[in-house]
Amino acid sequence: MADWPLFPASRPAQVRSIPDFLARVKVLPKDGLGSFEQSLRGTKIMFFGNTAVAFGVCENLKNKATVQRGIETFSLVKEDRDWQIAAQA
């Protein structure tokens, strides 16, 4: 897991190591992000044998004032009886 690439939502999309990703997240409160809440508004999951794609429609509330909506996607792989996240965007 330590070698997994992470891509923050900032643009342009650039791969980050886990330590670099965490360092960026730690400065967000200093950059004006005082609070962040995320609510799930809907889902759709499509199965293809031992793989699946899951979509989640989310509503984000930043600093208890700014509302943003977006879609998160998960690529899933079934190993034995458990579903594992292979990728998230």
PDB file of N, CA and C in Angstrom:
ATOM      1  N   MET A   1       0.814  -1.182   0.000  1.00  0.00           N
ATOM      2  CA  MET A   1       0.000   0.000   0.000  1.00  0.00           C
ATOM      3  C   MET A   1       0.868   1.260   0.000  1.00  0.00           C
ATOM      4  N   ALA A   2       2.044   1.200   0.567  1.00  0.00           N
ATOM      5  CA  ALA A   2       2.895   2.385   0.655  1.00  0.00           C
ATOM      6  C   ALA A   2       3.313   2.902  -0.721  1.00  0.00           C
ATOM      7  N   ASP A   3       3.256   2.057  -1.731  1.00  0.00           N
ATOM      8  CA  ASP A   3       3.678   2.465  -3.072  1.00  0.00           C
ATOM      9  C   ASP A   3       2.512   2.896  -3.954  1.00  0.00           C
ATOM     10  N   TRP A   4       1.299   2.874  -3.447  1.00  0.00           N
ATOM     11  CA  TRP A   4       0.142   3.206  -4.265  1.00  0.00           C
ATOM     12  C   TRP A   4       0.185   4.668  -4.648  1.00  0.00           C
ATOM     13  N   PRO A   5      -0.060   4.969  -5.930  1.00  0.00           N
ATOM     14  CA  PRO A   5      -0.086   6.378  -6.342  1.00  0.00           C
ATOM     15  C   PRO A   5      -1.395   7.038  -5.922  1.00  0.00           C
ATOM     16  N   LEU A   6      -1.309   8.294  -5.556  1.00  0.00           N
ATOM     17  CA  LEU A   6      -2.487   9.080  -5.202  1.00  0.00           C
ATOM     18  C   LEU A   6      -2.541  10.296  -6.113  1.00  0.00           C
ATOM     19  N   PHE A   7      -3.737  10.668  -6.523  1.00  0.00           N
ATOM     20  CA  PHE A   7      -3.945  11.821  -7.385  1.00  0.00           C
ATOM     21  C   PHE A   7      -4.932  12.761  -6.704  1.00  0.00           C
ATOM     22  N   PRO A   8      -4.477  13.853  -6.085  1.00  0.00           N
ATOM     23  CA  PRO A   8      -5.415  14.779  -5.456  1.00  0.00           C
ATOM     24  C   PRO A   8      -6.326  15.426  -6.486  1.00  0.00           C
ATOM     25  N   ALA A   9      -7.418  15.988  -6.005  1.00  0.00           N
ATOM     26  CA  ALA A   9      -8.401  16.603  -6.899  1.00  0.00           C
ATOM     27  C   ALA A   9      -7.879  17.866  -7.562  1.00  0.00           C
ATOM     28  N   SER A  10      -6.803  18.433  -7.058  1.00  0.00           N
ATOM     29  CA  SER A  10      -6.261  19.655  -7.663  1.00  0.00           C
ATOM     30  C   SER A  10      -5.797  19.377  -9.092  1.00  0.00           C
ATOM     31  N   ARG A  11      -5.814  20.396  -9.899  1.00  0.00           N
ATOM     32  CA  ARG A  11      -5.408  20.278 -11.304  1.00  0.00           C
ATOM     33  C   ARG A  11      -4.198  21.137 -11.567  1.00  0.00           C
ATOM     34  N   PRO A  12      -3.293  20.731 -12.443  1.00  0.00           N
ATOM     35  CA  PRO A  12      -3.364  19.515 -13.247  1.00  0.00           C
ATOM     36  C   PRO A  12      -3.152  18.270 -12.385  1.00  0.00           C
ATOM     37  N   ALA A  13      -3.749  17.158 -12.832  1.00  0.00           N
ATOM     38  CA  ALA A  13      -3.624  15.901 -12.094  1.00  0.00           C
ATOM     39  C   ALA A  13      -2.170  15.439 -12.129  1.00  0.00           C
ATOM     40  N   GLN A  14      -1.611  15.234 -10.945  1.00  0.00           N
ATOM     41  CA  GLN A  14      -0.228  14.769 -10.828  1.00  0.00           C
ATOM     42  C   GLN A  14      -0.168  13.721  -9.732  1.00  0.00           C
ATOM     43  N   VAL A  15       0.588  12.666  -9.985  1.00  0.00           N
ATOM     44  CA  VAL A  15       0.737  11.599  -9.004  1.00  0.00           C
ATOM     45  C   VAL A  15       1.481  12.130  -7.780  1.00  0.00           C
ATOM     46  N   ARG A  16       1.039  11.679  -6.604  1.00  0.00           N
ATOM     47  CA  ARG A  16       1.666  12.061  -5.339  1.00  0.00           C
ATOM     48  C   ARG A  16       1.956  10.802  -4.531  1.00  0.00           C
ATOM     49  N   SER A  17       3.047  10.817  -3.816  1.00  0.00           N
ATOM     50  CA  SER A  17       3.320   9.730  -2.879  1.00  0.00           C
ATOM     51  C   SER A  17       2.424   9.923  -1.658  1.00  0.00           C
ATOM     52  N   ILE A  18       2.285   8.910  -0.846  1.00  0.00           N
ATOM     53  CA  ILE A  18       1.458   9.035   0.359  1.00  0.00           C
ATOM     54  C   ILE A  18       1.996  10.135   1.275  1.00  0.00           C
ATOM     55  N   PRO A  19       3.328  10.209   1.550  1.00  0.00           N
ATOM     56  CA  PRO A  19       3.810  11.309   2.395  1.00  0.00           C
ATOM     57  C   PRO A  19       3.528  12.693   1.799  1.00  0.00           C
ATOM     58  N   ASP A  20       3.685  12.859   0.483  1.00  0.00           N
ATOM     59  CA  ASP A  20       3.387  14.144  -0.157  1.00  0.00           C
ATOM     60  C   ASP A  20       1.903  14.485  -0.068  1.00  0.00           C
ATOM     61  N   PHE A  21       1.050  13.486  -0.270  1.00  0.00           N
ATOM     62  CA  PHE A  21      -0.396  13.682  -0.189  1.00  0.00           C
ATOM     63  C   PHE A  21      -0.790  14.128   1.219  1.00  0.00           C
ATOM     64  N   LEU A  22      -0.253  13.453   2.235  1.00  0.00           N
ATOM     65  CA  LEU A  22      -0.582  13.802   3.622  1.00  0.00           C
ATOM     66  C   LEU A  22      -0.066  15.181   3.994  1.00  0.00           C
ATOM     67  N   ALA A  23       1.107  15.540   3.492  1.00  0.00           N
ATOM     68  CA  ALA A  23       1.655  16.871   3.773  1.00  0.00           C
ATOM     69  C   ALA A  23       0.728  17.947   3.215  1.00  0.00           C
ATOM     70  N   ARG A  24       0.177  17.730   2.031  1.00  0.00           N
ATOM     71  CA  ARG A  24      -0.746  18.692   1.418  1.00  0.00           C
ATOM     72  C   ARG A  24      -2.032  18.812   2.231  1.00  0.00           C
ATOM     73  N   VAL A  25      -2.561  17.679   2.682  1.00  0.00           N
ATOM     74  CA  VAL A  25      -3.810  17.687   3.447  1.00  0.00           C
ATOM     75  C   VAL A  25      -3.629  18.418   4.779  1.00  0.00           C
ATOM     76  N   LYS A  26      -2.465  18.285   5.386  1.00  0.00           N
ATOM     77  CA  LYS A  26      -2.233  18.914   6.687  1.00  0.00           C
ATOM     78  C   LYS A  26      -2.227  20.440   6.621  1.00  0.00           C
ATOM     79  N   VAL A  27      -1.934  21.027   5.473  1.00  0.00           N
ATOM     80  CA  VAL A  27      -1.914  22.492   5.373  1.00  0.00           C
ATOM     81  C   VAL A  27      -3.264  23.075   4.973  1.00  0.00           C
ATOM     82  N   LEU A  28      -4.235  22.245   4.623  1.00  0.00           N
ATOM     83  CA  LEU A  28      -5.541  22.761   4.193  1.00  0.00           C
ATOM     84  C   LEU A  28      -6.199  23.671   5.234  1.00  0.00           C
ATOM     85  N   PRO A  29      -6.165  23.344   6.539  1.00  0.00           N
ATOM     86  CA  PRO A  29      -6.760  24.279   7.495  1.00  0.00           C
ATOM     87  C   PRO A  29      -6.084  25.649   7.472  1.00  0.00           C
ATOM     88  N   LYS A  30      -4.801  25.697   7.220  1.00  0.00           N
ATOM     89  CA  LYS A  30      -4.083  26.967   7.156  1.00  0.00           C
ATOM     90  C   LYS A  30      -4.465  27.752   5.901  1.00  0.00           C
ATOM     91  N   ASP A  31      -4.944  27.029   4.878  1.00  0.00           N
ATOM     92  CA  ASP A  31      -5.348  27.665   3.626  1.00  0.00           C
ATOM     93  C   ASP A  31      -6.832  28.038   3.611  1.00  0.00           C
ATOM     94  N   GLY A  32      -7.510  27.988   4.769  1.00  0.00           N
ATOM     95  CA  GLY A  32      -8.887  28.445   4.850  1.00  0.00           C
ATOM     96  C   GLY A  32      -9.951  27.371   4.918  1.00  0.00           C
ATOM     97  N   LEU A  33      -9.572  26.083   4.875  1.00  0.00           N
ATOM     98  CA  LEU A  33     -10.576  25.028   4.990  1.00  0.00           C
ATOM     99  C   LEU A  33     -10.771  24.713   6.464  1.00  0.00           C
ATOM    100  N   GLY A  34     -11.862  25.225   7.031  1.00  0.00           N
ATOM    101  CA  GLY A  34     -12.135  25.023   8.444  1.00  0.00           C
ATOM    102  C   GLY A  34     -12.956  23.780   8.731  1.00  0.00           C
ATOM    103  N   SER A  35     -13.823  23.412   7.770  1.00  0.00           N
ATOM    104  CA  SER A  35     -14.639  22.205   7.950  1.00  0.00           C
ATOM    105  C   SER A  35     -14.982  21.623   6.583  1.00  0.00           C
ATOM    106  N   PHE A  36     -15.248  20.330   6.572  1.00  0.00           N
ATOM    107  CA  PHE A  36     -15.620  19.636   5.338  1.00  0.00           C
ATOM    108  C   PHE A  36     -16.576  18.513   5.705  1.00  0.00           C
ATOM    109  N   GLU A  37     -17.734  18.505   5.077  1.00  0.00           N
ATOM    110  CA  GLU A  37     -18.724  17.444   5.272  1.00  0.00           C
ATOM    111  C   GLU A  37     -19.105  16.899   3.899  1.00  0.00           C
ATOM    112  N   GLN A  38     -19.312  15.583   3.821  1.00  0.00           N
ATOM    113  CA  GLN A  38     -19.706  14.972   2.555  1.00  0.00           C
ATOM    114  C   GLN A  38     -20.913  14.077   2.802  1.00  0.00           C
ATOM    115  N   SER A  39     -21.957  14.239   1.965  1.00  0.00           N
ATOM    116  CA  SER A  39     -23.176  13.443   2.062  1.00  0.00           C
ATOM    117  C   SER A  39     -23.375  12.673   0.767  1.00  0.00           C
ATOM    118  N   LEU A  40     -23.755  11.416   0.891  1.00  0.00           N
ATOM    119  CA  LEU A  40     -24.050  10.588  -0.271  1.00  0.00           C
ATOM    120  C   LEU A  40     -25.481  10.839  -0.705  1.00  0.00           C
ATOM    121  N   ARG A  41     -25.690  11.203  -1.962  1.00  0.00           N
ATOM    122  CA  ARG A  41     -27.016  11.522  -2.480  1.00  0.00           C
ATOM    123  C   ARG A  41     -27.611  10.418  -3.338  1.00  0.00           C
ATOM    124  N   GLY A  42     -26.764   9.526  -3.868  1.00  0.00           N
ATOM    125  CA  GLY A  42     -27.267   8.437  -4.689  1.00  0.00           C
ATOM    126  C   GLY A  42     -26.148   7.524  -5.132  1.00  0.00           C
ATOM    127  N   THR A  43     -26.500   6.300  -5.514  1.00  0.00           N
ATOM    128  CA  THR A  43     -25.500   5.331  -5.974  1.00  0.00           C
ATOM    129  C   THR A  43     -26.011   4.538  -7.165  1.00  0.00           C
ATOM    130  N   LYS A  44     -25.066   4.032  -7.925  1.00  0.00           N
ATOM    131  CA  LYS A  44     -25.365   3.065  -8.986  1.00  0.00           C
ATOM    132  C   LYS A  44     -24.172   2.129  -9.048  1.00  0.00           C
ATOM    133  N   ILE A  45     -24.439   0.828  -9.037  1.00  0.00           N
ATOM    134  CA  ILE A  45     -23.380  -0.173  -9.098  1.00  0.00           C
ATOM    135  C   ILE A  45     -23.670  -1.112 -10.262  1.00  0.00           C
ATOM    136  N   MET A  46     -22.661  -1.327 -11.098  1.00  0.00           N
ATOM    137  CA  MET A  46     -22.788  -2.239 -12.231  1.00  0.00           C
ATOM    138  C   MET A  46     -21.788  -3.376 -12.040  1.00  0.00           C
ATOM    139  N   PHE A  47     -22.281  -4.611 -12.138  1.00  0.00           N
ATOM    140  CA  PHE A  47     -21.452  -5.797 -11.929  1.00  0.00           C
ATOM    141  C   PHE A  47     -21.103  -6.452 -13.253  1.00  0.00           C
ATOM    142  N   PHE A  48     -19.862  -6.918 -13.331  1.00  0.00           N
ATOM    143  CA  PHE A  48     -19.366  -7.623 -14.510  1.00  0.00           C
ATOM    144  C   PHE A  48     -18.560  -8.816 -14.011  1.00  0.00           C
ATOM    145  N   GLY A  49     -19.233  -9.897 -13.623  1.00  0.00           N
ATOM    146  CA  GLY A  49     -18.539 -11.061 -13.077  1.00  0.00           C
ATOM    147  C   GLY A  49     -17.899 -10.723 -11.741  1.00  0.00           C
ATOM    148  N   ASN A  50     -16.568 -10.865 -11.659  1.00  0.00           N
ATOM    149  CA  ASN A  50     -15.837 -10.572 -10.422  1.00  0.00           C
ATOM    150  C   ASN A  50     -15.323  -9.140 -10.369  1.00  0.00           C
ATOM    151  N   THR A  51     -15.836  -8.275 -11.237  1.00  0.00           N
ATOM    152  CA  THR A  51     -15.476  -6.860 -11.194  1.00  0.00           C
ATOM    153  C   THR A  51     -16.764  -6.039 -11.149  1.00  0.00           C
ATOM    154  N   ALA A  52     -16.634  -4.819 -10.678  1.00  0.00           N
ATOM    155  CA  ALA A  52     -17.790  -3.933 -10.614  1.00  0.00           C
ATOM    156  C   ALA A  52     -17.310  -2.490 -10.676  1.00  0.00           C
ATOM    157  N   VAL A  53     -18.220  -1.614 -11.078  1.00  0.00           N
ATOM    158  CA  VAL A  53     -17.979  -0.175 -11.049  1.00  0.00           C
ATOM    159  C   VAL A  53     -19.097   0.431 -10.215  1.00  0.00           C
ATOM    160  N   ALA A  54     -18.711   1.222  -9.228  1.00  0.00           N
ATOM    161  CA  ALA A  54     -19.686   1.869  -8.356  1.00  0.00           C
ATOM    162  C   ALA A  54     -19.573   3.381  -8.512  1.00  0.00           C
ATOM    163  N   PHE A  55     -20.717   4.037  -8.642  1.00  0.00           N
ATOM    164  CA  PHE A  55     -20.780   5.494  -8.753  1.00  0.00           C
ATOM    165  C   PHE A  55     -21.501   6.038  -7.524  1.00  0.00           C
ATOM    166  N   GLY A  56     -20.970   7.086  -6.956  1.00  0.00           N
ATOM    167  CA  GLY A  56     -21.616   7.750  -5.833  1.00  0.00           C
ATOM    168  C   GLY A  56     -21.765   9.228  -6.122  1.00  0.00           C
ATOM    169  N   VAL A  57     -22.994   9.726  -6.054  1.00  0.00           N
ATOM    170  CA  VAL A  57     -23.241  11.160  -6.223  1.00  0.00           C
ATOM    171  C   VAL A  57     -23.156  11.777  -4.836  1.00  0.00           C
ATOM    172  N   CYS A  58     -22.257  12.738  -4.686  1.00  0.00           N
ATOM    173  CA  CYS A  58     -21.980  13.327  -3.373  1.00  0.00           C
ATOM    174  C   CYS A  58     -22.258  14.824  -3.362  1.00  0.00           C
ATOM    175  N   GLU A  59     -22.568  15.309  -2.174  1.00  0.00           N
ATOM    176  CA  GLU A  59     -22.682  16.740  -1.952  1.00  0.00           C
ATOM    177  C   GLU A  59     -21.673  17.110  -0.868  1.00  0.00           C
ATOM    178  N   ASN A  60     -20.806  18.051  -1.166  1.00  0.00           N
ATOM    179  CA  ASN A  60     -19.768  18.486  -0.243  1.00  0.00           C
ATOM    180  C   ASN A  60     -20.123  19.865   0.311  1.00  0.00           C
ATOM    181  N   LEU A  61     -19.917  20.019   1.601  1.00  0.00           N
ATOM    182  CA  LEU A  61     -20.154  21.299   2.265  1.00  0.00           C
ATOM    183  C   LEU A  61     -18.835  21.754   2.887  1.00  0.00           C
ATOM    184  N   LYS A  62     -18.275  22.826   2.332  1.00  0.00           N
ATOM    185  CA  LYS A  62     -17.004  23.360   2.822  1.00  0.00           C
ATOM    186  C   LYS A  62     -17.259  24.584   3.680  1.00  0.00           C
ATOM    187  N   ASN A  63     -16.621  24.614   4.849  1.00  0.00           N
ATOM    188  CA  ASN A  63     -16.734  25.736   5.785  1.00  0.00           C
ATOM    189  C   ASN A  63     -18.184  26.081   6.104  1.00  0.00           C
ATOM    190  N   LYS A  64     -19.037  25.062   6.113  1.00  0.00           N
ATOM    191  CA  LYS A  64     -20.464  25.201   6.448  1.00  0.00           C
ATOM    192  C   LYS A  64     -21.194  26.220   5.570  1.00  0.00           C
ATOM    193  N   ALA A  65     -20.637  26.524   4.394  1.00  0.00           N
ATOM    194  CA  ALA A  65     -21.254  27.543   3.544  1.00  0.00           C
ATOM    195  C   ALA A  65     -21.237  27.184   2.059  1.00  0.00           C
ATOM    196  N   THR A  66     -20.140  26.658   1.549  1.00  0.00           N
ATOM    197  CA  THR A  66     -19.986  26.419   0.116  1.00  0.00           C
ATOM    198  C   THR A  66     -20.386  24.987  -0.225  1.00  0.00           C
ATOM    199  N   VAL A  67     -21.428  24.843  -1.071  1.00  0.00           N
ATOM    200  CA  VAL A  67     -21.922  23.527  -1.471  1.00  0.00           C
ATOM    201  C   VAL A  67     -21.386  23.205  -2.860  1.00  0.00           C
ATOM    202  N   GLN A  68     -20.840  22.002  -3.002  1.00  0.00           N
ATOM    203  CA  GLN A  68     -20.395  21.498  -4.304  1.00  0.00           C
ATOM    204  C   GLN A  68     -20.925  20.085  -4.461  1.00  0.00           C
ATOM    205  N   ARG A  69     -21.251  19.718  -5.678  1.00  0.00           N
ATOM    206  CA  ARG A  69     -21.707  18.357  -5.961  1.00  0.00           C
ATOM    207  C   ARG A  69     -20.731  17.692  -6.907  1.00  0.00           C
ATOM    208  N   GLY A  70     -20.617  16.384  -6.788  1.00  0.00           N
ATOM    209  CA  GLY A  70     -19.702  15.663  -7.658  1.00  0.00           C
ATOM    210  C   GLY A  70     -20.023  14.181  -7.673  1.00  0.00           C
ATOM    211  N   ILE A  71     -19.282  13.464  -8.495  1.00  0.00           N
ATOM    212  CA  ILE A  71     -19.438  12.020  -8.622  1.00  0.00           C
ATOM    213  C   ILE A  71     -18.107  11.369  -8.288  1.00  0.00           C
ATOM    214  N   GLU A  72     -18.163  10.345  -7.450  1.00  0.00           N
ATOM    215  CA  GLU A  72     -16.989   9.544  -7.167  1.00  0.00           C
ATOM    216  C   GLU A  72     -17.209   8.167  -7.772  1.00  0.00           C
ATOM    217  N   THR A  73     -16.148   7.591  -8.298  1.00  0.00           N
ATOM    218  CA  THR A  73     -16.255   6.264  -8.894  1.00  0.00           C
ATOM    219  C   THR A  73     -15.254   5.321  -8.238  1.00  0.00           C
ATOM    220  N   PHE A  74     -15.661   4.077  -8.157  1.00  0.00           N
ATOM    221  CA  PHE A  74     -14.817   3.034  -7.586  1.00  0.00           C
ATOM    222  C   PHE A  74     -14.785   1.857  -8.551  1.00  0.00           C
ATOM    223  N   SER A  75     -13.594   1.373  -8.856  1.00  0.00           N
ATOM    224  CA  SER A  75     -13.439   0.108  -9.561  1.00  0.00           C
ATOM    225  C   SER A  75     -13.200  -0.952  -8.498  1.00  0.00           C
ATOM    226  N   LEU A  76     -14.003  -2.003  -8.538  1.00  0.00           N
ATOM    227  CA  LEU A  76     -13.952  -3.035  -7.509  1.00  0.00           C
ATOM    228  C   LEU A  76     -13.608  -4.392  -8.108  1.00  0.00           C
ATOM    229  N   VAL A  77     -12.899  -5.210  -7.339  1.00  0.00           N
ATOM    230  CA  VAL A  77     -12.547  -6.570  -7.742  1.00  0.00           C
ATOM    231  C   VAL A  77     -12.929  -7.500  -6.603  1.00  0.00           C
ATOM    232  N   LYS A  78     -13.574  -8.621  -6.948  1.00  0.00           N
ATOM    233  CA  LYS A  78     -13.976  -9.574  -5.915  1.00  0.00           C
ATOM    234  C   LYS A  78     -12.878 -10.603  -5.712  1.00  0.00           C
ATOM    235  N   GLU A  79     -12.404 -10.711  -4.467  1.00  0.00           N
ATOM    236  CA  GLU A  79     -11.412 -11.716  -4.093  1.00  0.00           C
ATOM    237  C   GLU A  79     -12.049 -12.620  -3.056  1.00  0.00           C
ATOM    238  N   ASP A  80     -12.156 -13.883  -3.375  1.00  0.00           N
ATOM    239  CA  ASP A  80     -12.887 -14.838  -2.537  1.00  0.00           C
ATOM    240  C   ASP A  80     -14.317 -14.324  -2.368  1.00  0.00           C
ATOM    241  N   ARG A  81     -14.711 -13.930  -1.168  1.00  0.00           N
ATOM    242  CA  ARG A  81     -16.074 -13.438  -0.946  1.00  0.00           C
ATOM    243  C   ARG A  81     -16.116 -11.931  -0.749  1.00  0.00           C
ATOM    244  N   ASP A  82     -14.953 -11.280  -0.711  1.00  0.00           N
ATOM    245  CA  ASP A  82     -14.883  -9.852  -0.386  1.00  0.00           C
ATOM    246  C   ASP A  82     -14.624  -8.996  -1.621  1.00  0.00           C
ATOM    247  N   TRP A  83     -15.258  -7.817  -1.647  1.00  0.00           N
ATOM    248  CA  TRP A  83     -14.999  -6.841  -2.696  1.00  0.00           C
ATOM    249  C   TRP A  83     -13.901  -5.902  -2.220  1.00  0.00           C
ATOM    250  N   GLN A  84     -12.890  -5.674  -3.079  1.00  0.00           N
ATOM    251  CA  GLN A  84     -11.770  -4.812  -2.767  1.00  0.00           C
ATOM    252  C   GLN A  84     -11.773  -3.633  -3.744  1.00  0.00           C
ATOM    253  N   ILE A  85     -11.421  -2.447  -3.263  1.00  0.00           N
ATOM    254  CA  ILE A  85     -11.306  -1.276  -4.126  1.00  0.00           C
ATOM    255  C   ILE A  85      -9.986  -1.372  -4.892  1.00  0.00           C
ATOM    256  N   ALA A  86     -10.079  -1.365  -6.219  1.00  0.00           N
ATOM    257  CA  ALA A  86      -8.892  -1.391  -7.067  1.00  0.00           C
ATOM    258  C   ALA A  86      -8.464   0.027  -7.456  1.00  0.00           C
ATOM    259  N   ALA A  87      -9.430   0.925  -7.588  1.00  0.00           N
ATOM    260  CA  ALA A  87      -9.139   2.311  -7.941  1.00  0.00           C
ATOM    261  C   ALA A  87     -10.329   3.175  -7.534  1.00  0.00           C
ATOM    262  N   GLN A  88     -10.032   4.441  -7.260  1.00  0.00           N
ATOM    263  CA  GLN A  88     -11.068   5.404  -6.908  1.00  0.00           C
ATOM    264  C   GLN A  88     -10.769   6.717  -7.624  1.00  0.00           C
ATOM    265  N   ALA A  89     -11.809   7.365  -8.130  1.00  0.00           N
ATOM    266  CA  ALA A  89     -11.641   8.668  -8.768  1.00  0.00           C
ATOM    267  C   ALA A  89     -12.779   9.563  -8.354  1.00  0.00           C
TER     268      ALA A  89
END
